[in-house]
Protein backbone atom coordinates (compact mmCIF):
# COMPACT_ATOMS: atom_id res chain seq x y z
CA MET A 1 0.67 0.03 -0.29
CA THR A 2 1.35 3.36 -0.99
CA GLU A 3 0.62 6.26 0.75
CA PRO A 4 -0.44 9.76 -0.74
CA SER A 5 2.68 11.61 -1.74
CA ASN A 6 1.10 15.43 -0.84
CA GLY A 7 4.18 17.10 -3.09
CA TYR A 8 5.91 15.56 -0.71
CA PRO A 9 9.14 13.42 -1.52
CA PRO A 10 9.30 9.96 0.25
CA PRO A 11 11.05 9.83 3.76
CA GLY A 12 14.59 8.29 3.48
CA SER A 13 14.73 9.64 -0.17
CA SER A 14 17.20 13.23 -0.83
CA VAL A 15 15.92 16.02 -2.61
CA THR A 16 18.49 17.69 -4.75
CA TYR A 17 17.84 21.01 -6.39
CA SER A 18 19.89 22.46 -9.20
CA THR A 19 20.30 25.65 -9.22
CA ARG A 20 22.22 28.22 -11.58
CA PRO A 21 25.17 29.97 -9.80
CA THR A 22 24.92 33.95 -9.68
CA ASN A 23 27.67 35.75 -11.67
CA VAL A 24 29.85 37.47 -9.63
CA ALA A 25 30.84 40.40 -12.11
CA ALA A 26 26.40 41.57 -11.59
CA ILE A 27 27.06 41.13 -8.03
CA VAL A 28 29.91 43.46 -8.33
CA SER A 29 28.50 45.93 -10.38
CA LEU A 30 25.38 46.56 -8.49
CA VAL A 31 27.51 47.09 -5.37
CA ALA A 32 29.54 49.45 -7.63
CA GLY A 33 26.60 51.70 -8.69
CA ILE A 34 25.17 51.74 -4.78
CA CYS A 35 28.65 52.59 -3.80
CA GLY A 36 28.78 55.41 -6.99
CA PHE A 37 25.84 57.13 -5.21
CA ASN A 38 27.11 56.93 -1.84
CA VAL A 39 30.89 56.53 -0.92
CA LEU A 40 33.03 56.75 -4.67
CA PRO A 41 30.55 58.96 -7.41
CA LEU A 42 32.56 58.96 -9.92
CA VAL A 43 34.70 55.84 -9.59
CA GLY A 44 32.39 53.58 -8.38
CA SER A 45 29.36 54.46 -11.61
CA ILE A 46 32.74 53.42 -13.91
CA VAL A 47 33.31 49.77 -12.43
CA ALA A 48 29.38 49.71 -12.07
CA VAL A 49 28.85 50.44 -15.87
CA THR A 50 31.97 48.46 -16.90
CA ALA A 51 31.68 45.34 -14.38
CA GLY A 52 27.54 45.18 -15.80
CA HIS A 53 28.17 44.42 -19.76
CA ARG A 54 31.16 42.48 -18.57
CA ALA A 55 28.71 40.23 -16.59
CA ARG A 56 25.73 40.28 -19.33
CA ASN A 57 28.33 39.09 -22.03
CA GLN A 58 29.01 36.27 -19.35
CA ILE A 59 25.53 35.33 -18.50
CA ALA A 60 24.83 35.05 -22.27
CA ARG A 61 27.60 32.84 -23.05
CA THR A 62 27.81 31.02 -19.50
CA GLY A 63 23.64 31.04 -18.85
CA GLU A 64 24.00 32.13 -15.15
CA SER A 65 21.78 33.61 -13.51
CA GLY A 66 22.57 37.72 -12.41
CA ALA A 67 20.86 39.33 -15.29
CA ARG A 68 18.52 41.35 -13.14
CA LEU A 69 21.31 42.22 -10.79
CA ALA A 70 23.75 43.61 -14.17
CA THR A 71 21.28 45.50 -15.32
CA ALA A 72 20.16 47.54 -12.04
CA GLY A 73 24.17 47.81 -11.81
CA LEU A 74 24.23 49.48 -15.46
CA TRP A 75 21.83 51.74 -14.54
CA LEU A 76 23.07 52.74 -10.61
CA GLY A 77 26.11 53.50 -13.03
CA TYR A 78 25.17 55.15 -15.83
CA ILE A 79 22.85 57.57 -13.56
CA GLY A 80 25.67 58.07 -11.18
CA LEU A 81 27.49 59.32 -14.49
CA VAL A 82 24.96 61.75 -15.17
CA LEU A 83 24.16 62.58 -11.84
CA PHE A 84 28.50 63.40 -11.49
CA LEU A 85 29.04 65.05 -15.28
CA ALA A 86 26.11 67.56 -14.13
CA VAL A 87 27.47 68.59 -10.59
CA VAL A 88 30.60 69.24 -12.79
CA VAL A 89 28.77 71.28 -15.47
CA LEU A 90 26.88 73.18 -12.66
CA PHE A 91 29.96 73.83 -10.88
CA ILE A 92 31.67 74.92 -13.80
CA ALA A 93 29.00 77.14 -14.55
CA PHE A 94 28.21 78.48 -10.49
CA VAL A 95 32.33 79.88 -10.51
CA THR A 96 32.02 81.40 -14.30
CA VAL A 97 28.58 82.97 -12.75
CA LEU A 98 30.75 84.27 -9.89
CA HIS A 99 34.01 85.48 -11.20
CA THR A 100 32.27 87.39 -14.19
CA SER A 101 29.58 88.79 -11.71
CA SER A 102 30.42 92.26 -10.93
CA SER A 103 28.74 93.03 -7.96
CA VAL A 104 31.01 90.14 -6.12
CA PRO A 105 34.58 91.16 -5.80
CA ALA A 106 36.83 88.31 -7.14
CA LEU A 107 38.69 85.92 -4.95
CA SER A 108 42.08 87.46 -5.27
CA PHE A 109 45.05 87.32 -2.70
CA PRO A 110 46.93 90.52 -1.90
CA LYS A 111 49.86 90.71 -2.77
CA VAL A 112 52.72 89.42 -0.89
CA GLY A 113 56.05 92.13 -0.13
């Protein structure tokens, strides 16, 4: 007489699960993308974009998991680069306006000697 399985294997048998490994470059891309907003704005974003593209190529070739991680890292990296570039442009514009404005004294140092 056999007992109903109810979705579980019979007692004493082992269950094996096959999981695909997660691509390491995808994890690096995501972590670097997050760090690009918090710790190292330019370096983190560049690493996120580079590792994200590398991860997507490796995932397409090997079939590993982590495609969403790589895509998220790419997005964070590109957004971080755009924001960094915007801050640099705004800073240059601010310094230029500050320097050319007649109501604000020019930044100059007194002559010594």
